[in-house]
Amino acid sequence: MRDDPFFYVIVGGCLVVLVILMVGVGGFAKGGEFNRKHANRLMRWRLIAQFIVVIVLVGFVWLRSLGG
């Protein structure tokens, strides 16, 4: 599985989602101007990144089920 490039794309995508989530949670916890200005944008970025990772993950599983 580790020799498949999709595996590294999925892991990288999960890390991107995690970083966006941590920045959003940190901004929410701290509050203030940063949270007011960027909270919704970070949520949208996280949702888009998560959607892309899920689509790639489903494609990876589908290709693996075909024997490729």
PDB file of N, CA and C in Angstrom:
ATOM      1  N   MET A   1       0.825  -1.185   0.000  1.00  0.00           N
ATOM      2  CA  MET A   1       0.000   0.000   0.000  1.00  0.00           C
ATOM      3  C   MET A   1       0.873   1.254   0.000  1.00  0.00           C
ATOM      4  N   ARG A   2       1.998   1.209   0.683  1.00  0.00           N
ATOM      5  CA  ARG A   2       2.838   2.396   0.774  1.00  0.00           C
ATOM      6  C   ARG A   2       3.542   2.723  -0.534  1.00  0.00           C
ATOM      7  N   ASP A   3       3.608   1.782  -1.477  1.00  0.00           N
ATOM      8  CA  ASP A   3       4.245   2.092  -2.758  1.00  0.00           C
ATOM      9  C   ASP A   3       3.270   2.773  -3.711  1.00  0.00           C
ATOM     10  N   ASP A   4       2.020   2.906  -3.320  1.00  0.00           N
ATOM     11  CA  ASP A   4       1.022   3.561  -4.157  1.00  0.00           C
ATOM     12  C   ASP A   4       1.031   5.065  -3.883  1.00  0.00           C
ATOM     13  N   PRO A   5       1.186   5.891  -4.920  1.00  0.00           N
ATOM     14  CA  PRO A   5       1.237   7.344  -4.699  1.00  0.00           C
ATOM     15  C   PRO A   5      -0.060   7.915  -4.121  1.00  0.00           C
ATOM     16  N   PHE A   6      -1.192   7.272  -4.382  1.00  0.00           N
ATOM     17  CA  PHE A   6      -2.458   7.744  -3.809  1.00  0.00           C
ATOM     18  C   PHE A   6      -2.420   7.732  -2.281  1.00  0.00           C
ATOM     19  N   PHE A   7      -1.712   6.758  -1.722  1.00  0.00           N
ATOM     20  CA  PHE A   7      -1.599   6.663  -0.269  1.00  0.00           C
ATOM     21  C   PHE A   7      -0.991   7.940   0.308  1.00  0.00           C
ATOM     22  N   TYR A   8       0.077   8.428  -0.318  1.00  0.00           N
ATOM     23  CA  TYR A   8       0.742   9.638   0.168  1.00  0.00           C
ATOM     24  C   TYR A   8      -0.101  10.885  -0.085  1.00  0.00           C
ATOM     25  N   VAL A   9      -0.870  10.886  -1.163  1.00  0.00           N
ATOM     26  CA  VAL A   9      -1.778  12.003  -1.419  1.00  0.00           C
ATOM     27  C   VAL A   9      -2.845  12.058  -0.324  1.00  0.00           C
ATOM     28  N   ILE A  10      -3.380  10.905   0.043  1.00  0.00           N
ATOM     29  CA  ILE A  10      -4.412  10.839   1.082  1.00  0.00           C
ATOM     30  C   ILE A  10      -3.837  11.262   2.436  1.00  0.00           C
ATOM     31  N   VAL A  11      -2.661  10.769   2.778  1.00  0.00           N
ATOM     32  CA  VAL A  11      -2.036  11.149   4.050  1.00  0.00           C
ATOM     33  C   VAL A  11      -1.753  12.651   4.067  1.00  0.00           C
ATOM     34  N   GLY A  12      -1.222  13.188   2.974  1.00  0.00           N
ATOM     35  CA  GLY A  12      -0.970  14.625   2.895  1.00  0.00           C
ATOM     36  C   GLY A  12      -2.246  15.431   3.012  1.00  0.00           C
ATOM     37  N   GLY A  13      -3.297  14.969   2.357  1.00  0.00           N
ATOM     38  CA  GLY A  13      -4.583  15.651   2.441  1.00  0.00           C
ATOM     39  C   GLY A  13      -5.151  15.637   3.846  1.00  0.00           C
ATOM     40  N   CYS A  14      -5.014  14.511   4.527  1.00  0.00           N
ATOM     41  CA  CYS A  14      -5.482  14.424   5.920  1.00  0.00           C
ATOM     42  C   CYS A  14      -4.703  15.383   6.809  1.00  0.00           C
ATOM     43  N   LEU A  15      -3.409  15.508   6.568  1.00  0.00           N
ATOM     44  CA  LEU A  15      -2.609  16.444   7.355  1.00  0.00           C
ATOM     45  C   LEU A  15      -3.017  17.895   7.082  1.00  0.00           C
ATOM     46  N   VAL A  16      -3.331  18.201   5.833  1.00  0.00           N
ATOM     47  CA  VAL A  16      -3.809  19.553   5.496  1.00  0.00           C
ATOM     48  C   VAL A  16      -5.113  19.841   6.229  1.00  0.00           C
ATOM     49  N   VAL A  17      -6.044  18.887   6.208  1.00  0.00           N
ATOM     50  CA  VAL A  17      -7.310  19.059   6.916  1.00  0.00           C
ATOM     51  C   VAL A  17      -7.054  19.243   8.413  1.00  0.00           C
ATOM     52  N   LEU A  18      -6.142  18.472   8.976  1.00  0.00           N
ATOM     53  CA  LEU A  18      -5.825  18.585  10.395  1.00  0.00           C
ATOM     54  C   LEU A  18      -5.259  19.962  10.740  1.00  0.00           C
ATOM     55  N   VAL A  19      -4.364  20.469   9.904  1.00  0.00           N
ATOM     56  CA  VAL A  19      -3.775  21.790  10.155  1.00  0.00           C
ATOM     57  C   VAL A  19      -4.846  22.870  10.095  1.00  0.00           C
ATOM     58  N   ILE A  20      -5.708  22.816   9.069  1.00  0.00           N
ATOM     59  CA  ILE A  20      -6.787  23.803   8.958  1.00  0.00           C
ATOM     60  C   ILE A  20      -7.702  23.719  10.177  1.00  0.00           C
ATOM     61  N   LEU A  21      -8.024  22.500  10.604  1.00  0.00           N
ATOM     62  CA  LEU A  21      -8.879  22.316  11.771  1.00  0.00           C
ATOM     63  C   LEU A  21      -8.238  22.884  13.034  1.00  0.00           C
ATOM     64  N   MET A  22      -6.951  22.631  13.223  1.00  0.00           N
ATOM     65  CA  MET A  22      -6.266  23.125  14.417  1.00  0.00           C
ATOM     66  C   MET A  22      -6.177  24.651  14.429  1.00  0.00           C
ATOM     67  N   VAL A  23      -5.937  25.252  13.278  1.00  0.00           N
ATOM     68  CA  VAL A  23      -5.908  26.720  13.206  1.00  0.00           C
ATOM     69  C   VAL A  23      -7.290  27.268  13.529  1.00  0.00           C
ATOM     70  N   GLY A  24      -8.333  26.639  13.003  1.00  0.00           N
ATOM     71  CA  GLY A  24      -9.695  27.084  13.273  1.00  0.00           C
ATOM     72  C   GLY A  24     -10.077  26.928  14.742  1.00  0.00           C
ATOM     73  N   VAL A  25      -9.739  25.795  15.337  1.00  0.00           N
ATOM     74  CA  VAL A  25     -10.051  25.574  16.746  1.00  0.00           C
ATOM     75  C   VAL A  25      -9.238  26.525  17.625  1.00  0.00           C
ATOM     76  N   GLY A  26      -7.984  26.733  17.268  1.00  0.00           N
ATOM     77  CA  GLY A  26      -7.156  27.665  18.033  1.00  0.00           C
ATOM     78  C   GLY A  26      -7.691  29.087  17.958  1.00  0.00           C
ATOM     79  N   GLY A  27      -8.121  29.491  16.765  1.00  0.00           N
ATOM     80  CA  GLY A  27      -8.709  30.823  16.616  1.00  0.00           C
ATOM     81  C   GLY A  27     -10.009  30.957  17.376  1.00  0.00           C
ATOM     82  N   PHE A  28     -10.799  29.899  17.371  1.00  0.00           N
ATOM     83  CA  PHE A  28     -12.067  29.912  18.104  1.00  0.00           C
ATOM     84  C   PHE A  28     -11.817  29.997  19.608  1.00  0.00           C
ATOM     85  N   ALA A  29     -10.832  29.248  20.086  1.00  0.00           N
ATOM     86  CA  ALA A  29     -10.525  29.246  21.516  1.00  0.00           C
ATOM     87  C   ALA A  29      -9.990  30.601  21.974  1.00  0.00           C
ATOM     88  N   LYS A  30      -9.160  31.209  21.128  1.00  0.00           N
ATOM     89  CA  LYS A  30      -8.583  32.499  21.484  1.00  0.00           C
ATOM     90  C   LYS A  30      -9.600  33.624  21.331  1.00  0.00           C
ATOM     91  N   GLY A  31     -10.477  33.493  20.318  1.00  0.00           N
ATOM     92  CA  GLY A  31     -11.490  34.517  20.076  1.00  0.00           C
ATOM     93  C   GLY A  31     -10.861  35.757  19.469  1.00  0.00           C
ATOM     94  N   GLY A  32     -11.503  36.864  19.623  1.00  0.00           N
ATOM     95  CA  GLY A  32     -10.948  38.130  19.172  1.00  0.00           C
ATOM     96  C   GLY A  32     -11.146  38.386  17.690  1.00  0.00           C
ATOM     97  N   GLU A  33     -10.342  39.287  17.185  1.00  0.00           N
ATOM     98  CA  GLU A  33     -10.467  39.766  15.802  1.00  0.00           C
ATOM     99  C   GLU A  33     -10.166  38.664  14.780  1.00  0.00           C
ATOM    100  N   PHE A  34      -9.139  37.841  15.041  1.00  0.00           N
ATOM    101  CA  PHE A  34      -8.799  36.766  14.106  1.00  0.00           C
ATOM    102  C   PHE A  34      -9.985  35.834  13.907  1.00  0.00           C
ATOM    103  N   ASN A  35     -10.627  35.448  14.988  1.00  0.00           N
ATOM    104  CA  ASN A  35     -11.765  34.540  14.892  1.00  0.00           C
ATOM    105  C   ASN A  35     -12.916  35.186  14.133  1.00  0.00           C
ATOM    106  N   ARG A  36     -13.205  36.434  14.433  1.00  0.00           N
ATOM    107  CA  ARG A  36     -14.295  37.131  13.736  1.00  0.00           C
ATOM    108  C   ARG A  36     -14.026  37.248  12.244  1.00  0.00           C
ATOM    109  N   LYS A  37     -12.767  37.463  11.904  1.00  0.00           N
ATOM    110  CA  LYS A  37     -12.424  37.718  10.507  1.00  0.00           C
ATOM    111  C   LYS A  37     -12.268  36.433   9.685  1.00  0.00           C
ATOM    112  N   HIS A  38     -11.770  35.357  10.292  1.00  0.00           N
ATOM    113  CA  HIS A  38     -11.372  34.181   9.514  1.00  0.00           C
ATOM    114  C   HIS A  38     -12.111  32.888   9.840  1.00  0.00           C
ATOM    115  N   ALA A  39     -12.997  32.863  10.822  1.00  0.00           N
ATOM    116  CA  ALA A  39     -13.622  31.606  11.254  1.00  0.00           C
ATOM    117  C   ALA A  39     -14.405  30.941  10.128  1.00  0.00           C
ATOM    118  N   ASN A  40     -15.261  31.682   9.443  1.00  0.00           N
ATOM    119  CA  ASN A  40     -16.064  31.080   8.373  1.00  0.00           C
ATOM    120  C   ASN A  40     -15.208  30.653   7.188  1.00  0.00           C
ATOM    121  N   ARG A  41     -14.197  31.427   6.868  1.00  0.00           N
ATOM    122  CA  ARG A  41     -13.307  31.074   5.756  1.00  0.00           C
ATOM    123  C   ARG A  41     -12.564  29.774   6.061  1.00  0.00           C
ATOM    124  N   LEU A  42     -12.059  29.637   7.282  1.00  0.00           N
ATOM    125  CA  LEU A  42     -11.365  28.410   7.661  1.00  0.00           C
ATOM    126  C   LEU A  42     -12.294  27.208   7.628  1.00  0.00           C
ATOM    127  N   MET A  43     -13.543  27.387   8.047  1.00  0.00           N
ATOM    128  CA  MET A  43     -14.515  26.295   8.003  1.00  0.00           C
ATOM    129  C   MET A  43     -14.771  25.870   6.558  1.00  0.00           C
ATOM    130  N   ARG A  44     -14.910  26.829   5.663  1.00  0.00           N
ATOM    131  CA  ARG A  44     -15.122  26.491   4.245  1.00  0.00           C
ATOM    132  C   ARG A  44     -13.914  25.766   3.676  1.00  0.00           C
ATOM    133  N   TRP A  45     -12.713  26.242   3.971  1.00  0.00           N
ATOM    134  CA  TRP A  45     -11.501  25.584   3.485  1.00  0.00           C
ATOM    135  C   TRP A  45     -11.421  24.157   4.005  1.00  0.00           C
ATOM    136  N   ARG A  46     -11.757  23.968   5.277  1.00  0.00           N
ATOM    137  CA  ARG A  46     -11.710  22.620   5.854  1.00  0.00           C
ATOM    138  C   ARG A  46     -12.707  21.700   5.179  1.00  0.00           C
ATOM    139  N   LEU A  47     -13.917  22.196   4.948  1.00  0.00           N
ATOM    140  CA  LEU A  47     -14.930  21.365   4.299  1.00  0.00           C
ATOM    141  C   LEU A  47     -14.529  20.999   2.881  1.00  0.00           C
ATOM    142  N   ILE A  48     -13.990  21.948   2.144  1.00  0.00           N
ATOM    143  CA  ILE A  48     -13.542  21.675   0.775  1.00  0.00           C
ATOM    144  C   ILE A  48     -12.395  20.670   0.781  1.00  0.00           C
ATOM    145  N   ALA A  49     -11.415  20.872   1.664  1.00  0.00           N
ATOM    146  CA  ALA A  49     -10.279  19.949   1.744  1.00  0.00           C
ATOM    147  C   ALA A  49     -10.736  18.555   2.159  1.00  0.00           C
ATOM    148  N   GLN A  50     -11.662  18.490   3.111  1.00  0.00           N
ATOM    149  CA  GLN A  50     -12.187  17.196   3.542  1.00  0.00           C
ATOM    150  C   GLN A  50     -12.918  16.500   2.400  1.00  0.00           C
ATOM    151  N   PHE A  51     -13.725  17.239   1.653  1.00  0.00           N
ATOM    152  CA  PHE A  51     -14.452  16.666   0.528  1.00  0.00           C
ATOM    153  C   PHE A  51     -13.484  16.088  -0.499  1.00  0.00           C
ATOM    154  N   ILE A  52     -12.432  16.831  -0.813  1.00  0.00           N
ATOM    155  CA  ILE A  52     -11.449  16.358  -1.791  1.00  0.00           C
ATOM    156  C   ILE A  52     -10.762  15.093  -1.283  1.00  0.00           C
ATOM    157  N   VAL A  53     -10.382  15.068  -0.012  1.00  0.00           N
ATOM    158  CA  VAL A  53      -9.719  13.887   0.547  1.00  0.00           C
ATOM    159  C   VAL A  53     -10.651  12.681   0.526  1.00  0.00           C
ATOM    160  N   VAL A  54     -11.914  12.883   0.853  1.00  0.00           N
ATOM    161  CA  VAL A  54     -12.865  11.763   0.842  1.00  0.00           C
ATOM    162  C   VAL A  54     -13.043  11.232  -0.582  1.00  0.00           C
ATOM    163  N   ILE A  55     -13.151  12.120  -1.564  1.00  0.00           N
ATOM    164  CA  ILE A  55     -13.290  11.682  -2.963  1.00  0.00           C
ATOM    165  C   ILE A  55     -12.054  10.893  -3.396  1.00  0.00           C
ATOM    166  N   VAL A  56     -10.868  11.376  -3.064  1.00  0.00           N
ATOM    167  CA  VAL A  56      -9.642  10.658  -3.425  1.00  0.00           C
ATOM    168  C   VAL A  56      -9.575   9.319  -2.698  1.00  0.00           C
ATOM    169  N   LEU A  57      -9.977   9.289  -1.434  1.00  0.00           N
ATOM    170  CA  LEU A  57      -9.976   8.043  -0.664  1.00  0.00           C
ATOM    171  C   LEU A  57     -10.936   7.016  -1.261  1.00  0.00           C
ATOM    172  N   VAL A  58     -12.133   7.449  -1.629  1.00  0.00           N
ATOM    173  CA  VAL A  58     -13.098   6.530  -2.248  1.00  0.00           C
ATOM    174  C   VAL A  58     -12.557   6.034  -3.592  1.00  0.00           C
ATOM    175  N   GLY A  59     -11.938   6.920  -4.356  1.00  0.00           N
ATOM    176  CA  GLY A  59     -11.321   6.503  -5.623  1.00  0.00           C
ATOM    177  C   GLY A  59     -10.200   5.505  -5.400  1.00  0.00           C
ATOM    178  N   PHE A  60      -9.402   5.727  -4.365  1.00  0.00           N
ATOM    179  CA  PHE A  60      -8.306   4.808  -4.031  1.00  0.00           C
ATOM    180  C   PHE A  60      -8.848   3.427  -3.689  1.00  0.00           C
ATOM    181  N   VAL A  61      -9.874   3.385  -2.849  1.00  0.00           N
ATOM    182  CA  VAL A  61     -10.471   2.103  -2.462  1.00  0.00           C
ATOM    183  C   VAL A  61     -11.099   1.427  -3.670  1.00  0.00           C
ATOM    184  N   TRP A  62     -11.762   2.192  -4.510  1.00  0.00           N
ATOM    185  CA  TRP A  62     -12.382   1.628  -5.704  1.00  0.00           C
ATOM    186  C   TRP A  62     -11.335   1.045  -6.652  1.00  0.00           C
ATOM    187  N   LEU A  63     -10.246   1.782  -6.882  1.00  0.00           N
ATOM    188  CA  LEU A  63      -9.194   1.258  -7.754  1.00  0.00           C
ATOM    189  C   LEU A  63      -8.534   0.019  -7.164  1.00  0.00           C
ATOM    190  N   ARG A  64      -8.351  -0.009  -5.843  1.00  0.00           N
ATOM    191  CA  ARG A  64      -7.778  -1.189  -5.202  1.00  0.00           C
ATOM    192  C   ARG A  64      -8.696  -2.390  -5.314  1.00  0.00           C
ATOM    193  N   SER A  65     -10.020  -2.153  -5.290  1.00  0.00           N
ATOM    194  CA  SER A  65     -10.956  -3.270  -5.397  1.00  0.00           C
ATOM    195  C   SER A  65     -10.958  -3.871  -6.802  1.00  0.00           C
ATOM    196  N   LEU A  66     -10.575  -3.055  -7.787  1.00  0.00           N
ATOM    197  CA  LEU A  66     -10.483  -3.556  -9.160  1.00  0.00           C
ATOM    198  C   LEU A  66      -9.199  -4.340  -9.402  1.00  0.00           C
ATOM    199  N   GLY A  67      -8.299  -4.289  -8.425  1.00  0.00           N
ATOM    200  CA  GLY A  67      -7.041  -5.018  -8.554  1.00  0.00           C
ATOM    201  C   GLY A  67      -5.933  -4.166  -9.115  1.00  0.00           C
ATOM    202  N   GLY A  68      -6.130  -2.851  -9.178  1.00  0.00           N
ATOM    203  CA  GLY A  68      -5.123  -1.959  -9.754  1.00  0.00           C
ATOM    204  C   GLY A  68      -4.278  -1.362  -8.790  1.00  0.00           C
TER     205      GLY A  68
END
